[in-house]
Amino acid sequence: MKKYTIGFAVGIVFLVYSFGIRNQHSAPVVAPASLKQSGSSSSPSSSTANASSNSQASTNKTLSYKDGTYNGSVGNAYYGNVQVAAVISGGKLTDVKLLQTVTEDPNSIYINQAADPYLKQEALKSQSANISIITGATLTSDAYIQSLNAALRKAKN
């Protein structure tokens, strides 16, 4: 009888633990510092970030893409795949559409929903796939960058 009681208790503890983990989300996604800044600031780190983005913007002005929509490759984000399409208009990257994203793991869905707007914003700002990885969404960022890079390679003149 003692074996059954212990087995039952272990089973209950396992179930409670499983439900608790299933509904638990990881740490919040943190955007790169360059995306968090609004307006001008006099702090040294923001002036350095602004200087580097200004030099990056001047080098990206020379990039020219063929107009159209280009699908990138499917990138593996461990818990699922990520695929994007680059929309080019007037020789510039004007939109990044999410074609495929993780749909099974609740935690990964949460992470992707939080990271995707930042990744898109940074890609549009840099006009390339040379973007920062989002803290807390490393695998998603890597897959996004891989897919976007493939799409932009197709779009190059």
N, C-alpha and C. Protein backbone atom coordinates (compact mmCIF):
# COMPACT_ATOMS: atom_id res chain seq x y z
N MET A 1 0.82 -1.19 0.00
CA MET A 1 0.00 0.00 0.00
C MET A 1 0.87 1.26 0.00
N LYS A 2 2.02 1.18 0.70
CA LYS A 2 2.91 2.31 0.79
C LYS A 2 3.47 2.67 -0.60
N LYS A 3 3.75 1.65 -1.45
CA LYS A 3 4.27 1.89 -2.80
C LYS A 3 3.25 2.67 -3.62
N TYR A 4 2.01 2.33 -3.52
CA TYR A 4 0.96 3.00 -4.30
C TYR A 4 0.79 4.45 -3.86
N THR A 5 0.89 4.69 -2.59
CA THR A 5 0.75 6.05 -2.07
C THR A 5 1.90 6.92 -2.55
N ILE A 6 3.10 6.42 -2.50
CA ILE A 6 4.28 7.18 -2.95
C ILE A 6 4.19 7.40 -4.46
N GLY A 7 3.82 6.37 -5.21
CA GLY A 7 3.67 6.50 -6.66
C GLY A 7 2.62 7.53 -7.03
N PHE A 8 1.51 7.52 -6.32
CA PHE A 8 0.44 8.48 -6.56
C PHE A 8 0.92 9.91 -6.27
N ALA A 9 1.64 10.09 -5.18
CA ALA A 9 2.16 11.41 -4.79
C ALA A 9 3.15 11.93 -5.83
N VAL A 10 4.02 11.05 -6.31
CA VAL A 10 5.00 11.44 -7.33
C VAL A 10 4.27 11.85 -8.62
N GLY A 11 3.24 11.12 -8.99
CA GLY A 11 2.46 11.44 -10.18
C GLY A 11 1.79 12.79 -10.07
N ILE A 12 1.22 13.08 -8.91
CA ILE A 12 0.56 14.38 -8.70
C ILE A 12 1.59 15.51 -8.79
N VAL A 13 2.75 15.34 -8.16
CA VAL A 13 3.80 16.36 -8.21
C VAL A 13 4.24 16.58 -9.66
N PHE A 14 4.38 15.51 -10.41
CA PHE A 14 4.78 15.62 -11.81
C PHE A 14 3.75 16.41 -12.63
N LEU A 15 2.48 16.13 -12.43
CA LEU A 15 1.43 16.84 -13.16
C LEU A 15 1.41 18.32 -12.83
N VAL A 16 1.51 18.65 -11.57
CA VAL A 16 1.53 20.05 -11.15
C VAL A 16 2.73 20.76 -11.76
N TYR A 17 3.87 20.12 -11.72
CA TYR A 17 5.10 20.69 -12.29
C TYR A 17 4.95 20.89 -13.80
N SER A 18 4.40 19.90 -14.50
CA SER A 18 4.22 19.97 -15.96
C SER A 18 3.32 21.13 -16.36
N PHE A 19 2.20 21.31 -15.67
CA PHE A 19 1.30 22.41 -15.99
C PHE A 19 1.93 23.76 -15.67
N GLY A 20 2.71 23.81 -14.62
CA GLY A 20 3.39 25.06 -14.28
C GLY A 20 4.41 25.44 -15.32
N ILE A 21 5.18 24.50 -15.83
CA ILE A 21 6.19 24.76 -16.85
C ILE A 21 5.54 25.14 -18.17
N ARG A 22 4.44 24.49 -18.51
CA ARG A 22 3.78 24.73 -19.79
C ARG A 22 3.30 26.17 -19.94
N ASN A 23 2.89 26.78 -18.87
CA ASN A 23 2.37 28.14 -18.92
C ASN A 23 3.40 29.19 -18.55
N GLN A 24 4.63 28.77 -18.34
CA GLN A 24 5.67 29.70 -17.94
C GLN A 24 6.37 30.24 -19.18
N HIS A 25 6.60 31.55 -19.22
CA HIS A 25 7.31 32.17 -20.33
C HIS A 25 8.72 32.50 -19.88
N SER A 26 9.62 32.54 -20.86
CA SER A 26 11.00 32.87 -20.56
C SER A 26 11.11 34.37 -20.26
N ALA A 27 12.34 34.79 -20.04
CA ALA A 27 12.59 36.20 -19.76
C ALA A 27 12.13 37.04 -20.94
N PRO A 28 11.78 38.29 -20.68
CA PRO A 28 11.29 39.13 -21.76
C PRO A 28 12.35 39.34 -22.84
N VAL A 29 11.88 39.55 -24.04
CA VAL A 29 12.76 39.81 -25.16
C VAL A 29 13.26 41.25 -25.04
N VAL A 30 14.54 41.43 -25.24
CA VAL A 30 15.14 42.75 -25.11
C VAL A 30 15.64 43.19 -26.47
N ALA A 31 15.19 44.35 -26.91
CA ALA A 31 15.59 44.89 -28.21
C ALA A 31 16.98 45.47 -28.12
N PRO A 32 17.66 45.54 -29.26
CA PRO A 32 18.97 46.20 -29.28
C PRO A 32 18.84 47.65 -28.83
N ALA A 33 19.89 48.18 -28.27
CA ALA A 33 19.87 49.55 -27.75
C ALA A 33 19.51 50.57 -28.82
N SER A 34 19.91 50.32 -30.06
CA SER A 34 19.63 51.29 -31.12
C SER A 34 18.14 51.43 -31.40
N LEU A 35 17.34 50.41 -31.08
CA LEU A 35 15.91 50.49 -31.32
C LEU A 35 15.15 51.08 -30.14
N LYS A 36 15.75 51.08 -28.98
CA LYS A 36 15.07 51.59 -27.79
C LYS A 36 15.15 53.10 -27.69
N GLN A 37 16.10 53.71 -28.37
CA GLN A 37 16.30 55.15 -28.24
C GLN A 37 15.22 55.90 -29.01
N SER A 38 14.72 56.93 -28.39
CA SER A 38 13.79 57.81 -29.09
C SER A 38 14.24 59.23 -28.87
N GLY A 39 14.31 59.99 -29.94
CA GLY A 39 14.78 61.36 -29.82
C GLY A 39 16.28 61.40 -29.67
N SER A 40 16.80 62.56 -29.32
CA SER A 40 18.25 62.67 -29.14
C SER A 40 18.58 62.63 -27.67
N SER A 41 19.71 62.09 -27.38
CA SER A 41 20.17 61.96 -26.00
C SER A 41 21.61 62.39 -25.94
N SER A 42 22.03 62.86 -24.80
CA SER A 42 23.40 63.34 -24.69
C SER A 42 24.32 62.30 -24.08
N SER A 43 23.82 61.09 -23.85
CA SER A 43 24.68 60.08 -23.24
C SER A 43 25.72 59.60 -24.25
N PRO A 44 26.92 59.23 -23.78
CA PRO A 44 27.97 58.80 -24.69
C PRO A 44 27.58 57.56 -25.49
N SER A 45 26.87 56.63 -24.87
CA SER A 45 26.54 55.41 -25.59
C SER A 45 25.58 55.68 -26.73
N SER A 46 24.65 56.62 -26.56
CA SER A 46 23.71 56.90 -27.65
C SER A 46 24.40 57.65 -28.78
N SER A 47 25.36 58.53 -28.45
CA SER A 47 26.04 59.23 -29.53
C SER A 47 26.91 58.27 -30.32
N THR A 48 27.49 57.28 -29.65
CA THR A 48 28.27 56.27 -30.35
C THR A 48 27.36 55.44 -31.23
N ALA A 49 26.19 55.05 -30.71
CA ALA A 49 25.24 54.26 -31.49
C ALA A 49 24.76 55.06 -32.69
N ASN A 50 24.48 56.36 -32.49
CA ASN A 50 24.02 57.19 -33.59
C ASN A 50 25.10 57.35 -34.65
N ALA A 51 26.35 57.50 -34.23
CA ALA A 51 27.44 57.64 -35.18
C ALA A 51 27.61 56.37 -36.00
N SER A 52 27.52 55.22 -35.34
CA SER A 52 27.68 53.98 -36.08
C SER A 52 26.50 53.74 -37.01
N SER A 53 25.27 54.12 -36.61
CA SER A 53 24.15 53.94 -37.52
C SER A 53 24.22 54.93 -38.67
N ASN A 54 24.77 56.13 -38.44
CA ASN A 54 24.93 57.08 -39.55
C ASN A 54 25.92 56.56 -40.57
N SER A 55 27.04 56.00 -40.12
CA SER A 55 28.02 55.46 -41.06
C SER A 55 27.46 54.23 -41.75
N GLN A 56 26.68 53.43 -41.04
CA GLN A 56 26.07 52.25 -41.65
C GLN A 56 25.03 52.68 -42.68
N ALA A 57 24.27 53.73 -42.39
CA ALA A 57 23.26 54.20 -43.32
C ALA A 57 23.91 54.72 -44.60
N SER A 58 25.07 55.39 -44.48
CA SER A 58 25.71 55.90 -45.68
C SER A 58 26.24 54.77 -46.56
N THR A 59 26.72 53.70 -45.97
CA THR A 59 27.19 52.58 -46.78
C THR A 59 26.02 51.81 -47.38
N ASN A 60 24.88 51.80 -46.71
CA ASN A 60 23.72 51.07 -47.22
C ASN A 60 23.01 51.82 -48.34
N LYS A 61 23.25 53.13 -48.48
CA LYS A 61 22.63 53.89 -49.56
C LYS A 61 23.10 53.40 -50.92
N THR A 62 24.29 52.79 -50.96
CA THR A 62 24.82 52.31 -52.23
C THR A 62 24.18 50.99 -52.65
N LEU A 63 23.51 50.30 -51.72
CA LEU A 63 22.85 49.04 -52.06
C LEU A 63 21.63 49.33 -52.93
N SER A 64 21.43 48.50 -53.93
CA SER A 64 20.27 48.65 -54.78
C SER A 64 19.73 47.26 -55.07
N TYR A 65 18.44 47.10 -54.89
CA TYR A 65 17.80 45.82 -55.11
C TYR A 65 16.81 45.93 -56.26
N LYS A 66 16.51 44.80 -56.88
CA LYS A 66 15.48 44.75 -57.92
C LYS A 66 14.12 44.73 -57.24
N ASP A 67 13.18 45.52 -57.76
CA ASP A 67 11.84 45.58 -57.19
C ASP A 67 11.15 44.23 -57.29
N GLY A 68 10.38 43.92 -56.26
CA GLY A 68 9.63 42.67 -56.22
C GLY A 68 9.57 42.12 -54.81
N THR A 69 9.00 40.94 -54.67
CA THR A 69 8.93 40.25 -53.38
C THR A 69 9.74 38.97 -53.51
N TYR A 70 10.68 38.78 -52.61
CA TYR A 70 11.60 37.64 -52.68
C TYR A 70 11.49 36.82 -51.40
N ASN A 71 11.19 35.54 -51.55
CA ASN A 71 11.10 34.64 -50.41
C ASN A 71 12.49 34.17 -50.01
N GLY A 72 12.75 34.21 -48.72
CA GLY A 72 14.02 33.71 -48.20
C GLY A 72 13.94 32.21 -47.95
N SER A 73 15.06 31.64 -47.60
CA SER A 73 15.09 30.23 -47.25
C SER A 73 14.42 30.03 -45.89
N VAL A 74 14.13 28.79 -45.56
CA VAL A 74 13.54 28.46 -44.27
C VAL A 74 14.68 28.30 -43.26
N GLY A 75 14.64 29.09 -42.19
CA GLY A 75 15.66 29.03 -41.15
C GLY A 75 15.17 28.22 -39.96
N ASN A 76 16.04 27.42 -39.40
CA ASN A 76 15.68 26.58 -38.26
C ASN A 76 15.86 27.36 -36.96
N ALA A 77 14.76 27.54 -36.23
CA ALA A 77 14.79 28.24 -34.94
C ALA A 77 14.65 27.24 -33.79
N TYR A 78 15.10 26.03 -33.97
CA TYR A 78 15.11 24.92 -33.03
C TYR A 78 13.71 24.38 -32.74
N TYR A 79 12.79 25.21 -32.27
CA TYR A 79 11.43 24.73 -31.96
C TYR A 79 10.49 24.90 -33.15
N GLY A 80 11.03 25.25 -34.28
CA GLY A 80 10.25 25.42 -35.49
C GLY A 80 11.04 26.22 -36.51
N ASN A 81 10.41 26.52 -37.61
CA ASN A 81 11.08 27.22 -38.70
C ASN A 81 10.60 28.65 -38.81
N VAL A 82 11.47 29.48 -39.36
CA VAL A 82 11.16 30.88 -39.63
C VAL A 82 11.51 31.15 -41.09
N GLN A 83 10.58 31.78 -41.80
CA GLN A 83 10.84 32.18 -43.18
C GLN A 83 10.24 33.56 -43.39
N VAL A 84 10.98 34.41 -44.10
CA VAL A 84 10.51 35.76 -44.38
C VAL A 84 10.56 36.03 -45.88
N ALA A 85 9.83 37.06 -46.29
CA ALA A 85 9.88 37.55 -47.66
C ALA A 85 10.29 39.01 -47.60
N ALA A 86 11.24 39.39 -48.44
CA ALA A 86 11.69 40.77 -48.52
C ALA A 86 10.92 41.47 -49.64
N VAL A 87 10.31 42.60 -49.31
CA VAL A 87 9.56 43.38 -50.30
C VAL A 87 10.44 44.57 -50.68
N ILE A 88 10.76 44.65 -51.97
CA ILE A 88 11.63 45.70 -52.48
C ILE A 88 10.81 46.64 -53.37
N SER A 89 10.93 47.92 -53.11
CA SER A 89 10.25 48.93 -53.93
C SER A 89 11.18 50.12 -54.08
N GLY A 90 11.36 50.58 -55.30
CA GLY A 90 12.26 51.70 -55.55
C GLY A 90 13.70 51.37 -55.24
N GLY A 91 14.05 50.10 -55.34
CA GLY A 91 15.42 49.66 -55.07
C GLY A 91 15.76 49.54 -53.60
N LYS A 92 14.76 49.73 -52.72
CA LYS A 92 15.00 49.67 -51.28
C LYS A 92 14.12 48.62 -50.62
N LEU A 93 14.59 48.11 -49.51
CA LEU A 93 13.81 47.19 -48.69
C LEU A 93 12.71 47.99 -48.00
N THR A 94 11.45 47.69 -48.33
CA THR A 94 10.35 48.47 -47.77
C THR A 94 9.51 47.69 -46.77
N ASP A 95 9.62 46.36 -46.80
CA ASP A 95 8.83 45.54 -45.87
C ASP A 95 9.47 44.18 -45.75
N VAL A 96 9.29 43.57 -44.61
CA VAL A 96 9.70 42.18 -44.39
C VAL A 96 8.48 41.45 -43.86
N LYS A 97 8.00 40.50 -44.65
CA LYS A 97 6.81 39.75 -44.27
C LYS A 97 7.20 38.40 -43.70
N LEU A 98 6.57 38.04 -42.62
CA LEU A 98 6.81 36.76 -41.98
C LEU A 98 5.94 35.71 -42.67
N LEU A 99 6.57 34.76 -43.36
CA LEU A 99 5.84 33.72 -44.08
C LEU A 99 5.60 32.48 -43.22
N GLN A 100 6.57 32.17 -42.39
CA GLN A 100 6.49 30.97 -41.57
C GLN A 100 7.12 31.26 -40.22
N THR A 101 6.47 30.78 -39.17
CA THR A 101 6.99 30.98 -37.82
C THR A 101 6.60 29.78 -36.96
N VAL A 102 7.17 29.71 -35.80
CA VAL A 102 6.89 28.62 -34.87
C VAL A 102 5.42 28.65 -34.46
N THR A 103 4.76 27.49 -34.49
CA THR A 103 3.34 27.44 -34.13
C THR A 103 3.01 26.41 -33.06
N GLU A 104 3.98 25.63 -32.62
CA GLU A 104 3.71 24.55 -31.68
C GLU A 104 4.04 24.89 -30.22
N ASP A 105 5.22 25.37 -29.97
CA ASP A 105 5.70 25.60 -28.60
C ASP A 105 5.23 26.97 -28.10
N PRO A 106 4.41 27.00 -27.05
CA PRO A 106 3.86 28.28 -26.55
C PRO A 106 4.94 29.30 -26.19
N ASN A 107 6.02 28.84 -25.61
CA ASN A 107 7.09 29.75 -25.22
C ASN A 107 7.76 30.36 -26.45
N SER A 108 8.00 29.56 -27.48
CA SER A 108 8.60 30.06 -28.71
C SER A 108 7.67 31.00 -29.45
N ILE A 109 6.38 30.73 -29.42
CA ILE A 109 5.40 31.62 -30.04
C ILE A 109 5.46 32.98 -29.36
N TYR A 110 5.51 32.98 -28.05
CA TYR A 110 5.60 34.22 -27.28
C TYR A 110 6.88 34.99 -27.63
N ILE A 111 7.99 34.30 -27.70
CA ILE A 111 9.27 34.93 -28.01
C ILE A 111 9.24 35.52 -29.42
N ASN A 112 8.75 34.75 -30.39
CA ASN A 112 8.70 35.22 -31.77
C ASN A 112 7.81 36.45 -31.91
N GLN A 113 6.66 36.44 -31.26
CA GLN A 113 5.75 37.59 -31.35
C GLN A 113 6.39 38.85 -30.78
N ALA A 114 7.21 38.69 -29.77
CA ALA A 114 7.88 39.85 -29.18
C ALA A 114 9.07 40.31 -30.01
N ALA A 115 9.79 39.39 -30.63
CA ALA A 115 11.02 39.73 -31.35
C ALA A 115 10.79 40.19 -32.78
N ASP A 116 9.78 39.66 -33.45
CA ASP A 116 9.58 39.95 -34.88
C ASP A 116 9.49 41.44 -35.21
N PRO A 117 8.74 42.25 -34.46
CA PRO A 117 8.69 43.69 -34.81
C PRO A 117 10.06 44.37 -34.73
N TYR A 118 10.87 43.99 -33.74
CA TYR A 118 12.19 44.58 -33.60
C TYR A 118 13.10 44.16 -34.76
N LEU A 119 13.04 42.88 -35.14
CA LEU A 119 13.86 42.39 -36.24
C LEU A 119 13.48 43.10 -37.54
N LYS A 120 12.20 43.24 -37.77
CA LYS A 120 11.73 43.91 -38.99
C LYS A 120 12.18 45.37 -39.00
N GLN A 121 12.00 46.06 -37.89
CA GLN A 121 12.38 47.47 -37.78
C GLN A 121 13.87 47.66 -38.06
N GLU A 122 14.67 46.78 -37.50
CA GLU A 122 16.11 46.92 -37.68
C GLU A 122 16.52 46.59 -39.11
N ALA A 123 15.87 45.61 -39.72
CA ALA A 123 16.18 45.27 -41.12
C ALA A 123 15.83 46.44 -42.04
N LEU A 124 14.69 47.06 -41.83
CA LEU A 124 14.30 48.20 -42.65
C LEU A 124 15.24 49.39 -42.45
N LYS A 125 15.68 49.56 -41.23
CA LYS A 125 16.60 50.66 -40.92
C LYS A 125 17.96 50.44 -41.57
N SER A 126 18.46 49.20 -41.52
CA SER A 126 19.79 48.92 -42.07
C SER A 126 19.77 48.60 -43.55
N GLN A 127 18.56 48.33 -44.11
CA GLN A 127 18.41 47.96 -45.52
C GLN A 127 19.24 46.72 -45.87
N SER A 128 19.40 45.84 -44.90
CA SER A 128 20.16 44.62 -45.12
C SER A 128 19.79 43.59 -44.05
N ALA A 129 20.44 42.44 -44.13
CA ALA A 129 20.26 41.42 -43.11
C ALA A 129 21.33 41.54 -42.03
N ASN A 130 22.12 42.59 -42.10
CA ASN A 130 23.16 42.84 -41.11
C ASN A 130 22.53 43.56 -39.91
N ILE A 131 21.83 42.77 -39.07
CA ILE A 131 21.08 43.33 -37.95
C ILE A 131 21.50 42.66 -36.66
N SER A 132 21.18 43.29 -35.56
CA SER A 132 21.53 42.76 -34.24
C SER A 132 20.62 41.62 -33.85
N ILE A 133 21.18 40.68 -33.13
CA ILE A 133 20.39 39.57 -32.58
C ILE A 133 19.65 40.10 -31.36
N ILE A 134 18.40 39.71 -31.21
CA ILE A 134 17.58 40.15 -30.09
C ILE A 134 17.87 39.26 -28.89
N THR A 135 18.23 39.86 -27.77
CA THR A 135 18.49 39.12 -26.55
C THR A 135 17.21 38.43 -26.10
N GLY A 136 17.31 37.15 -25.81
CA GLY A 136 16.15 36.37 -25.41
C GLY A 136 15.48 35.69 -26.58
N ALA A 137 15.92 36.02 -27.79
CA ALA A 137 15.36 35.41 -29.01
C ALA A 137 16.49 35.11 -29.99
N THR A 138 17.56 34.54 -29.49
CA THR A 138 18.75 34.30 -30.30
C THR A 138 18.47 33.37 -31.47
N LEU A 139 17.81 32.25 -31.20
CA LEU A 139 17.55 31.28 -32.27
C LEU A 139 16.59 31.84 -33.31
N THR A 140 15.58 32.55 -32.86
CA THR A 140 14.64 33.20 -33.77
C THR A 140 15.38 34.24 -34.61
N SER A 141 16.22 35.04 -33.98
CA SER A 141 16.98 36.07 -34.70
C SER A 141 17.88 35.45 -35.75
N ASP A 142 18.59 34.39 -35.39
CA ASP A 142 19.47 33.72 -36.34
C ASP A 142 18.70 33.20 -37.55
N ALA A 143 17.56 32.55 -37.31
CA ALA A 143 16.75 32.02 -38.40
C ALA A 143 16.20 33.14 -39.27
N TYR A 144 15.77 34.22 -38.65
CA TYR A 144 15.23 35.39 -39.37
C TYR A 144 16.31 35.99 -40.26
N ILE A 145 17.50 36.19 -39.70
CA ILE A 145 18.61 36.77 -40.45
C ILE A 145 19.00 35.88 -41.62
N GLN A 146 19.05 34.56 -41.39
CA GLN A 146 19.39 33.60 -42.45
C GLN A 146 18.39 33.71 -43.60
N SER A 147 17.12 33.72 -43.27
CA SER A 147 16.08 33.79 -44.29
C SER A 147 16.10 35.13 -45.03
N LEU A 148 16.24 36.23 -44.30
CA LEU A 148 16.28 37.55 -44.91
C LEU A 148 17.51 37.70 -45.81
N ASN A 149 18.63 37.18 -45.37
CA ASN A 149 19.85 37.25 -46.17
C ASN A 149 19.67 36.53 -47.50
N ALA A 150 19.03 35.36 -47.49
CA ALA A 150 18.77 34.61 -48.72
C ALA A 150 17.84 35.40 -49.65
N ALA A 151 16.82 36.02 -49.08
CA ALA A 151 15.88 36.80 -49.89
C ALA A 151 16.59 38.01 -50.53
N LEU A 152 17.42 38.69 -49.76
CA LEU A 152 18.11 39.87 -50.28
C LEU A 152 19.17 39.50 -51.32
N ARG A 153 19.78 38.33 -51.20
CA ARG A 153 20.71 37.86 -52.23
C ARG A 153 19.98 37.70 -53.56
N LYS A 154 18.75 37.19 -53.51
CA LYS A 154 17.95 37.04 -54.74
C LYS A 154 17.60 38.39 -55.34
N ALA A 155 17.47 39.41 -54.51
CA ALA A 155 17.01 40.72 -54.96
C ALA A 155 18.12 41.63 -55.45
N LYS A 156 19.38 41.25 -55.23
CA LYS A 156 20.49 42.12 -55.63
C LYS A 156 20.56 42.26 -57.14
N ASN A 157 20.92 43.47 -57.57
CA ASN A 157 21.09 43.73 -59.01
C ASN A 157 22.38 43.16 -59.51
